[in-house]
Amino acid sequence: QVQLVESGGGLVQAGGSLRLSCAASVSMFSFRTMGWYRQAPGKQRELVAGITGGRVTNYAESVKGRFTISRDNAEMTVYLQMNSLKPEDTAVYYCNTEPIATLTWGQGTQVTVSS
């Protein structure tokens, strides 16, 4: 059964850091391009970062230089290191395949950045 479990969110002040984790129980994980998405209240879900099986990364302009995506294929886990957080980063963060989300969404992890 495919499962995505996100963790690591929390409440942080602007300028702070958080590290999110996504444990993925999915076949052929090391070959899948994975991404972190986020959904802020009243907004559509957006892709913020992606990483191929070969660890080529891409980022949304809004997070470039502040967020770093990485993966551990042996642990089937994707990480998102978030630095210099801003109030506009407040959202529920999810992982899934990218550029198209093909797996059942997990519950996400809430990130709240206070000003």
C-alpha atoms as a PDB file:
ATOM      1  CA  GLN A   1       0.000   0.000   0.000  1.00  0.00           C
ATOM      2  CA  VAL A   2       1.408   3.343  -1.053  1.00  0.00           C
ATOM      3  CA  GLN A   3       1.876   5.702   1.846  1.00  0.00           C
ATOM      4  CA  LEU A   4       3.393   9.136   2.257  1.00  0.00           C
ATOM      5  CA  VAL A   5       3.999  10.384   5.796  1.00  0.00           C
ATOM      6  CA  GLU A   6       5.190  13.953   6.271  1.00  0.00           C
ATOM      7  CA  SER A   7       6.625  15.281   9.516  1.00  0.00           C
ATOM      8  CA  GLY A   8       8.778  18.035  10.966  1.00  0.00           C
ATOM      9  CA  GLY A   9       6.487  21.028  10.717  1.00  0.00           C
ATOM     10  CA  GLY A  10       5.834  23.466  13.503  1.00  0.00           C
ATOM     11  CA  LEU A  11       5.665  27.083  14.594  1.00  0.00           C
ATOM     12  CA  VAL A  12       8.758  29.169  13.987  1.00  0.00           C
ATOM     13  CA  GLN A  13       9.617  32.851  13.952  1.00  0.00           C
ATOM     14  CA  ALA A  14      10.505  34.618  10.744  1.00  0.00           C
ATOM     15  CA  GLY A  15      14.132  33.969   9.896  1.00  0.00           C
ATOM     16  CA  GLY A  16      14.080  30.573  11.532  1.00  0.00           C
ATOM     17  CA  SER A  17      14.588  27.096  10.099  1.00  0.00           C
ATOM     18  CA  LEU A  18      12.760  23.791   9.914  1.00  0.00           C
ATOM     19  CA  ARG A  19      13.561  20.433   8.375  1.00  0.00           C
ATOM     20  CA  LEU A  20      10.703  18.430   6.937  1.00  0.00           C
ATOM     21  CA  SER A  21      10.775  14.695   6.286  1.00  0.00           C
ATOM     22  CA  CYS A  22       8.640  12.526   4.028  1.00  0.00           C
ATOM     23  CA  ALA A  23       8.733   8.772   4.494  1.00  0.00           C
ATOM     24  CA  ALA A  24       7.521   7.111   1.311  1.00  0.00           C
ATOM     25  CA  SER A  25       6.358   3.508   1.168  1.00  0.00           C
ATOM     26  CA  VAL A  26       6.312   3.211  -2.610  1.00  0.00           C
ATOM     27  CA  SER A  27       7.815   0.855  -5.142  1.00  0.00           C
ATOM     28  CA  MET A  28      10.740   1.970  -7.277  1.00  0.00           C
ATOM     29  CA  PHE A  29      11.313   4.936  -4.976  1.00  0.00           C
ATOM     30  CA  SER A  30      14.883   5.536  -6.099  1.00  0.00           C
ATOM     31  CA  PHE A  31      13.724   6.014  -9.683  1.00  0.00           C
ATOM     32  CA  ARG A  32      10.913   8.445  -8.898  1.00  0.00           C
ATOM     33  CA  THR A  33      11.222  12.192  -9.105  1.00  0.00           C
ATOM     34  CA  MET A  34       9.856  13.462  -5.812  1.00  0.00           C
ATOM     35  CA  GLY A  35       8.672  16.889  -4.828  1.00  0.00           C
ATOM     36  CA  TRP A  36       7.541  19.004  -1.933  1.00  0.00           C
ATOM     37  CA  TYR A  37       4.297  20.888  -2.386  1.00  0.00           C
ATOM     38  CA  ARG A  38       2.537  23.372  -0.149  1.00  0.00           C
ATOM     39  CA  GLN A  39      -0.957  24.721   0.222  1.00  0.00           C
ATOM     40  CA  ALA A  40      -1.671  27.948   2.021  1.00  0.00           C
ATOM     41  CA  PRO A  41      -5.174  28.819   3.239  1.00  0.00           C
ATOM     42  CA  GLY A  42      -7.381  29.870   0.332  1.00  0.00           C
ATOM     43  CA  LYS A  43      -4.721  29.065  -2.250  1.00  0.00           C
ATOM     44  CA  GLN A  44      -4.032  26.220  -4.635  1.00  0.00           C
ATOM     45  CA  ARG A  45      -1.416  23.630  -3.881  1.00  0.00           C
ATOM     46  CA  GLU A  46       1.926  24.540  -5.451  1.00  0.00           C
ATOM     47  CA  LEU A  47       5.169  22.705  -6.096  1.00  0.00           C
ATOM     48  CA  VAL A  48       8.104  24.266  -4.262  1.00  0.00           C
ATOM     49  CA  ALA A  49      10.960  21.832  -4.878  1.00  0.00           C
ATOM     50  CA  GLY A  50      11.732  18.632  -6.749  1.00  0.00           C
ATOM     51  CA  ILE A  51      14.515  16.082  -6.882  1.00  0.00           C
ATOM     52  CA  THR A  52      15.169  13.332  -9.400  1.00  0.00           C
ATOM     53  CA  GLY A  53      16.450   9.892  -8.569  1.00  0.00           C
ATOM     54  CA  GLY A  54      19.875  11.160  -9.627  1.00  0.00           C
ATOM     55  CA  ARG A  55      19.500  14.079  -7.208  1.00  0.00           C
ATOM     56  CA  VAL A  56      19.040  16.824  -9.764  1.00  0.00           C
ATOM     57  CA  THR A  57      17.025  19.512  -8.018  1.00  0.00           C
ATOM     58  CA  ASN A  58      14.702  22.315  -9.008  1.00  0.00           C
ATOM     59  CA  TYR A  59      13.011  25.036  -6.972  1.00  0.00           C
ATOM     60  CA  ALA A  60      10.234  27.547  -7.228  1.00  0.00           C
ATOM     61  CA  GLU A  61      11.553  31.077  -7.482  1.00  0.00           C
ATOM     62  CA  SER A  62       9.926  31.980  -4.191  1.00  0.00           C
ATOM     63  CA  VAL A  63      12.089  29.520  -2.235  1.00  0.00           C
ATOM     64  CA  LYS A  64      15.273  29.415  -4.286  1.00  0.00           C
ATOM     65  CA  GLY A  65      18.327  30.026  -2.119  1.00  0.00           C
ATOM     66  CA  ARG A  66      16.402  29.363   1.098  1.00  0.00           C
ATOM     67  CA  PHE A  67      15.110  25.786   0.755  1.00  0.00           C
ATOM     68  CA  THR A  68      17.115  22.651  -0.007  1.00  0.00           C
ATOM     69  CA  ILE A  69      15.565  19.351  -1.050  1.00  0.00           C
ATOM     70  CA  SER A  70      17.426  16.080  -0.566  1.00  0.00           C
ATOM     71  CA  ARG A  71      16.688  12.381  -0.465  1.00  0.00           C
ATOM     72  CA  ASP A  72      17.892   9.139   1.062  1.00  0.00           C
ATOM     73  CA  ASN A  73      16.972   6.345  -1.325  1.00  0.00           C
ATOM     74  CA  ALA A  74      17.941   3.599   1.115  1.00  0.00           C
ATOM     75  CA  GLU A  75      15.544   5.046   3.704  1.00  0.00           C
ATOM     76  CA  MET A  76      12.970   6.028   1.056  1.00  0.00           C
ATOM     77  CA  THR A  77      12.802   9.487   2.566  1.00  0.00           C
ATOM     78  CA  VAL A  78      12.744  12.973   1.094  1.00  0.00           C
ATOM     79  CA  TYR A  79      13.792  16.010   3.108  1.00  0.00           C
ATOM     80  CA  LEU A  80      13.196  19.723   2.820  1.00  0.00           C
ATOM     81  CA  GLN A  81      15.546  21.997   4.725  1.00  0.00           C
ATOM     82  CA  MET A  82      13.902  25.396   5.050  1.00  0.00           C
ATOM     83  CA  ASN A  83      16.001  28.377   6.128  1.00  0.00           C
ATOM     84  CA  SER A  84      15.267  32.084   6.389  1.00  0.00           C
ATOM     85  CA  LEU A  85      11.580  31.323   6.705  1.00  0.00           C
ATOM     86  CA  LYS A  86       9.066  34.050   5.947  1.00  0.00           C
ATOM     87  CA  PRO A  87       5.426  34.450   7.022  1.00  0.00           C
ATOM     88  CA  GLU A  88       4.398  33.756   3.419  1.00  0.00           C
ATOM     89  CA  ASP A  89       5.892  30.260   3.754  1.00  0.00           C
ATOM     90  CA  THR A  90       3.047  29.397   6.124  1.00  0.00           C
ATOM     91  CA  ALA A  91       1.205  26.421   4.634  1.00  0.00           C
ATOM     92  CA  VAL A  92       0.603  22.704   4.892  1.00  0.00           C
ATOM     93  CA  TYR A  93       3.513  20.928   3.223  1.00  0.00           C
ATOM     94  CA  TYR A  94       3.137  17.656   1.337  1.00  0.00           C
ATOM     95  CA  CYS A  95       5.364  15.385  -0.677  1.00  0.00           C
ATOM     96  CA  ASN A  96       4.470  13.476  -3.822  1.00  0.00           C
ATOM     97  CA  THR A  97       5.897  12.686  -7.225  1.00  0.00           C
ATOM     98  CA  GLU A  98       6.504  15.581  -9.547  1.00  0.00           C
ATOM     99  CA  PRO A  99       5.876  17.244 -11.940  1.00  0.00           C
ATOM    100  CA  ILE A 100       2.587  15.402 -11.600  1.00  0.00           C
ATOM    101  CA  ALA A 101       1.410  14.096  -8.254  1.00  0.00           C
ATOM    102  CA  THR A 102       0.580  10.452  -8.909  1.00  0.00           C
ATOM    103  CA  LEU A 103       0.432   9.057  -5.386  1.00  0.00           C
ATOM    104  CA  THR A 104      -2.270   9.326  -2.747  1.00  0.00           C
ATOM    105  CA  TRP A 105      -1.639  12.458  -0.726  1.00  0.00           C
ATOM    106  CA  GLY A 106      -0.489  12.121   2.860  1.00  0.00           C
ATOM    107  CA  GLN A 107      -1.794  14.197   5.718  1.00  0.00           C
ATOM    108  CA  GLY A 108       0.848  16.861   5.276  1.00  0.00           C
ATOM    109  CA  THR A 109       2.687  18.787   7.957  1.00  0.00           C
ATOM    110  CA  GLN A 110       1.757  22.302   9.058  1.00  0.00           C
ATOM    111  CA  VAL A 111       4.387  25.024   8.910  1.00  0.00           C
ATOM    112  CA  THR A 112       3.520  28.318  10.548  1.00  0.00           C
ATOM    113  CA  VAL A 113       5.911  31.258  10.402  1.00  0.00           C
ATOM    114  CA  SER A 114       5.201  34.167  12.712  1.00  0.00           C
ATOM    115  CA  SER A 115       6.349  37.692  11.963  1.00  0.00           C
END
